[in-house]
Amino acid sequence: MTKFRNVLAAMAAVSAFSMAASAGGLAETFTKCVDKFANAKTEATVMLECNAADGKVSDCKVVENSTTVPGFDKAALCVADALPIGSKTGAIKVPLKFNPRS
C-alpha cells in the first residue's frame, strides 16, 4: 500500500510541476532531453523506479516503456535529474509522459 501511495504522490508531483513549469524549468528539461535522446514526433510513456531523498531522485531505472522507438528510456532518465520530489523518501515510481511535437 505504501508503494501505491508513493506512486500516486510521485504522479501528482510530476503533474503539478509539469503544469507550473510550462513556461520554463521542467518543461525546458523535457524538451532538451527529448531533443538529445529521442524523436520529438513520437508519443511515449516511461515508468521509472527511483530512490527519493532530499527533494531529488537517484538511482533511477526504467521499469516500463510504452514504445519501441529508441531513446525515450534515456530521455526519461535525463528528465529524472531535474524532477523535484518534495519531501518524499524511499522507493517511488515516476511516470513520465512525452507528448509529440509537430
C-alpha atoms as a PDB file:
ATOM      1  CA  MET A   1       0.000   0.000   0.000  1.00  0.00           C
ATOM      2  CA  THR A   2       2.894   2.372   0.761  1.00  0.00           C
ATOM      3  CA  LYS A   3       4.377   1.868  -2.714  1.00  0.00           C
ATOM      4  CA  PHE A   4       0.977   2.633  -4.252  1.00  0.00           C
ATOM      5  CA  ARG A   5       0.743   5.870  -2.270  1.00  0.00           C
ATOM      6  CA  ASN A   6       4.289   6.768  -3.302  1.00  0.00           C
ATOM      7  CA  VAL A   7       3.382   6.183  -6.959  1.00  0.00           C
ATOM      8  CA  LEU A   8       0.317   8.404  -6.622  1.00  0.00           C
ATOM      9  CA  ALA A   9       2.317  11.078  -4.831  1.00  0.00           C
ATOM     10  CA  ALA A  10       5.021  10.986  -7.496  1.00  0.00           C
ATOM     11  CA  MET A  11       2.414  11.199 -10.267  1.00  0.00           C
ATOM     12  CA  ALA A  12       0.804  14.181  -8.571  1.00  0.00           C
ATOM     13  CA  ALA A  13       4.171  15.862  -8.048  1.00  0.00           C
ATOM     14  CA  VAL A  14       5.208  15.373 -11.666  1.00  0.00           C
ATOM     15  CA  SER A  15       1.834  16.633 -12.909  1.00  0.00           C
ATOM     16  CA  ALA A  16       1.889  19.659 -10.619  1.00  0.00           C
ATOM     17  CA  PHE A  17       5.418  20.588 -11.534  1.00  0.00           C
ATOM     18  CA  SER A  18       4.771  19.993 -15.239  1.00  0.00           C
ATOM     19  CA  MET A  19       1.892  22.476 -15.143  1.00  0.00           C
ATOM     20  CA  ALA A  20       3.784  25.000 -13.029  1.00  0.00           C
ATOM     21  CA  ALA A  21       6.869  24.754 -15.188  1.00  0.00           C
ATOM     22  CA  SER A  22       5.141  25.145 -18.535  1.00  0.00           C
ATOM     23  CA  ALA A  23       6.922  28.460 -19.124  1.00  0.00           C
ATOM     24  CA  GLY A  24      10.340  27.042 -18.268  1.00  0.00           C
ATOM     25  CA  GLY A  25      12.229  24.827 -15.860  1.00  0.00           C
ATOM     26  CA  LEU A  26      10.918  21.297 -16.093  1.00  0.00           C
ATOM     27  CA  ALA A  27       9.278  21.875 -19.486  1.00  0.00           C
ATOM     28  CA  GLU A  28      12.622  23.057 -20.838  1.00  0.00           C
ATOM     29  CA  THR A  29      14.277  19.959 -19.394  1.00  0.00           C
ATOM     30  CA  PHE A  30      11.719  17.700 -21.128  1.00  0.00           C
ATOM     31  CA  THR A  31      12.413  19.468 -24.441  1.00  0.00           C
ATOM     32  CA  LYS A  32      16.185  19.327 -24.006  1.00  0.00           C
ATOM     33  CA  CYS A  33      16.188  15.637 -23.067  1.00  0.00           C
ATOM     34  CA  VAL A  34      13.854  14.591 -25.898  1.00  0.00           C
ATOM     35  CA  ASP A  35      15.861  16.604 -28.431  1.00  0.00           C
ATOM     36  CA  LYS A  36      19.058  14.954 -27.234  1.00  0.00           C
ATOM     37  CA  PHE A  37      17.894  11.332 -26.991  1.00  0.00           C
ATOM     38  CA  ALA A  38      14.534  10.657 -28.679  1.00  0.00           C
ATOM     39  CA  ASN A  39      12.162  11.502 -31.519  1.00  0.00           C
ATOM     40  CA  ALA A  40      10.114  14.584 -30.628  1.00  0.00           C
ATOM     41  CA  LYS A  41       7.326  13.500 -33.020  1.00  0.00           C
ATOM     42  CA  THR A  42       6.590  10.317 -31.078  1.00  0.00           C
ATOM     43  CA  GLU A  43       4.398   9.858 -28.015  1.00  0.00           C
ATOM     44  CA  ALA A  44       5.745   7.720 -25.200  1.00  0.00           C
ATOM     45  CA  THR A  45       5.170   6.944 -21.555  1.00  0.00           C
ATOM     46  CA  VAL A  46       8.061   5.716 -19.450  1.00  0.00           C
ATOM     47  CA  MET A  47       7.798   4.489 -15.859  1.00  0.00           C
ATOM     48  CA  LEU A  48      10.872   4.967 -13.711  1.00  0.00           C
ATOM     49  CA  GLU A  49      11.598   3.423 -10.351  1.00  0.00           C
ATOM     50  CA  CYS A  50      13.828   5.676  -8.259  1.00  0.00           C
ATOM     51  CA  ASN A  51      15.008   6.386  -4.745  1.00  0.00           C
ATOM     52  CA  ALA A  52      13.742   9.696  -3.375  1.00  0.00           C
ATOM     53  CA  ALA A  53      15.560  11.752  -0.741  1.00  0.00           C
ATOM     54  CA  ASP A  54      16.342  15.392  -0.067  1.00  0.00           C
ATOM     55  CA  GLY A  55      13.874  16.604  -2.703  1.00  0.00           C
ATOM     56  CA  LYS A  56      15.507  14.694  -5.557  1.00  0.00           C
ATOM     57  CA  VAL A  57      15.534  11.248  -7.112  1.00  0.00           C
ATOM     58  CA  SER A  58      18.539   8.993  -7.641  1.00  0.00           C
ATOM     59  CA  ASP A  59      19.382   5.508  -8.862  1.00  0.00           C
ATOM     60  CA  CYS A  60      16.518   5.569 -11.370  1.00  0.00           C
ATOM     61  CA  LYS A  61      15.864   2.671 -13.696  1.00  0.00           C
ATOM     62  CA  VAL A  62      13.284   2.188 -16.437  1.00  0.00           C
ATOM     63  CA  VAL A  63      10.647  -0.382 -15.477  1.00  0.00           C
ATOM     64  CA  GLU A  64       8.161   0.247 -18.334  1.00  0.00           C
ATOM     65  CA  ASN A  65       8.371   1.877 -21.745  1.00  0.00           C
ATOM     66  CA  SER A  66       5.301   2.219 -23.985  1.00  0.00           C
ATOM     67  CA  THR A  67       7.261   2.474 -27.227  1.00  0.00           C
ATOM     68  CA  THR A  68       9.922   0.576 -29.079  1.00  0.00           C
ATOM     69  CA  VAL A  69      11.194   3.857 -30.558  1.00  0.00           C
ATOM     70  CA  PRO A  70      14.740   4.215 -29.238  1.00  0.00           C
ATOM     71  CA  GLY A  71      15.795   6.964 -26.877  1.00  0.00           C
ATOM     72  CA  PHE A  72      12.818   7.533 -24.594  1.00  0.00           C
ATOM     73  CA  ASP A  73      14.415   5.462 -21.843  1.00  0.00           C
ATOM     74  CA  LYS A  74      17.444   7.772 -21.919  1.00  0.00           C
ATOM     75  CA  ALA A  75      15.240  10.875 -22.202  1.00  0.00           C
ATOM     76  CA  ALA A  76      13.280   9.809 -19.109  1.00  0.00           C
ATOM     77  CA  LEU A  77      16.461   9.249 -17.118  1.00  0.00           C
ATOM     78  CA  CYS A  78      17.658  12.675 -18.259  1.00  0.00           C
ATOM     79  CA  VAL A  79      14.406  14.318 -17.072  1.00  0.00           C
ATOM     80  CA  ALA A  80      14.637  12.499 -13.733  1.00  0.00           C
ATOM     81  CA  ASP A  81      17.722  14.516 -12.850  1.00  0.00           C
ATOM     82  CA  ALA A  82      15.553  17.660 -12.775  1.00  0.00           C
ATOM     83  CA  LEU A  83      12.449  16.293 -11.024  1.00  0.00           C
ATOM     84  CA  PRO A  84      11.648  17.970  -7.723  1.00  0.00           C
ATOM     85  CA  ILE A  85      10.000  15.396  -5.483  1.00  0.00           C
ATOM     86  CA  GLY A  86       9.418  17.395  -2.314  1.00  0.00           C
ATOM     87  CA  SER A  87       9.576  15.545   0.976  1.00  0.00           C
ATOM     88  CA  LYS A  88       9.022  12.046  -0.429  1.00  0.00           C
ATOM     89  CA  THR A  89      11.586   9.457   0.629  1.00  0.00           C
ATOM     90  CA  GLY A  90      12.236   5.863  -0.280  1.00  0.00           C
ATOM     91  CA  ALA A  91      11.470   3.873  -3.413  1.00  0.00           C
ATOM     92  CA  ILE A  92       8.990   5.568  -5.733  1.00  0.00           C
ATOM     93  CA  LYS A  93       7.680   5.027  -9.244  1.00  0.00           C
ATOM     94  CA  VAL A  94       7.623   8.053 -11.513  1.00  0.00           C
ATOM     95  CA  PRO A  95       5.547   8.028 -14.713  1.00  0.00           C
ATOM     96  CA  LEU A  96       6.747  10.385 -17.445  1.00  0.00           C
ATOM     97  CA  LYS A  97       4.597  11.127 -20.487  1.00  0.00           C
ATOM     98  CA  PHE A  98       6.197  12.542 -23.610  1.00  0.00           C
ATOM     99  CA  ASN A  99       3.747  14.246 -25.954  1.00  0.00           C
ATOM    100  CA  PRO A 100       4.610  14.548 -29.629  1.00  0.00           C
ATOM    101  CA  ARG A 101       5.593  17.913 -31.084  1.00  0.00           C
ATOM    102  CA  SER A 102       4.799  18.795 -34.692  1.00  0.00           C
END
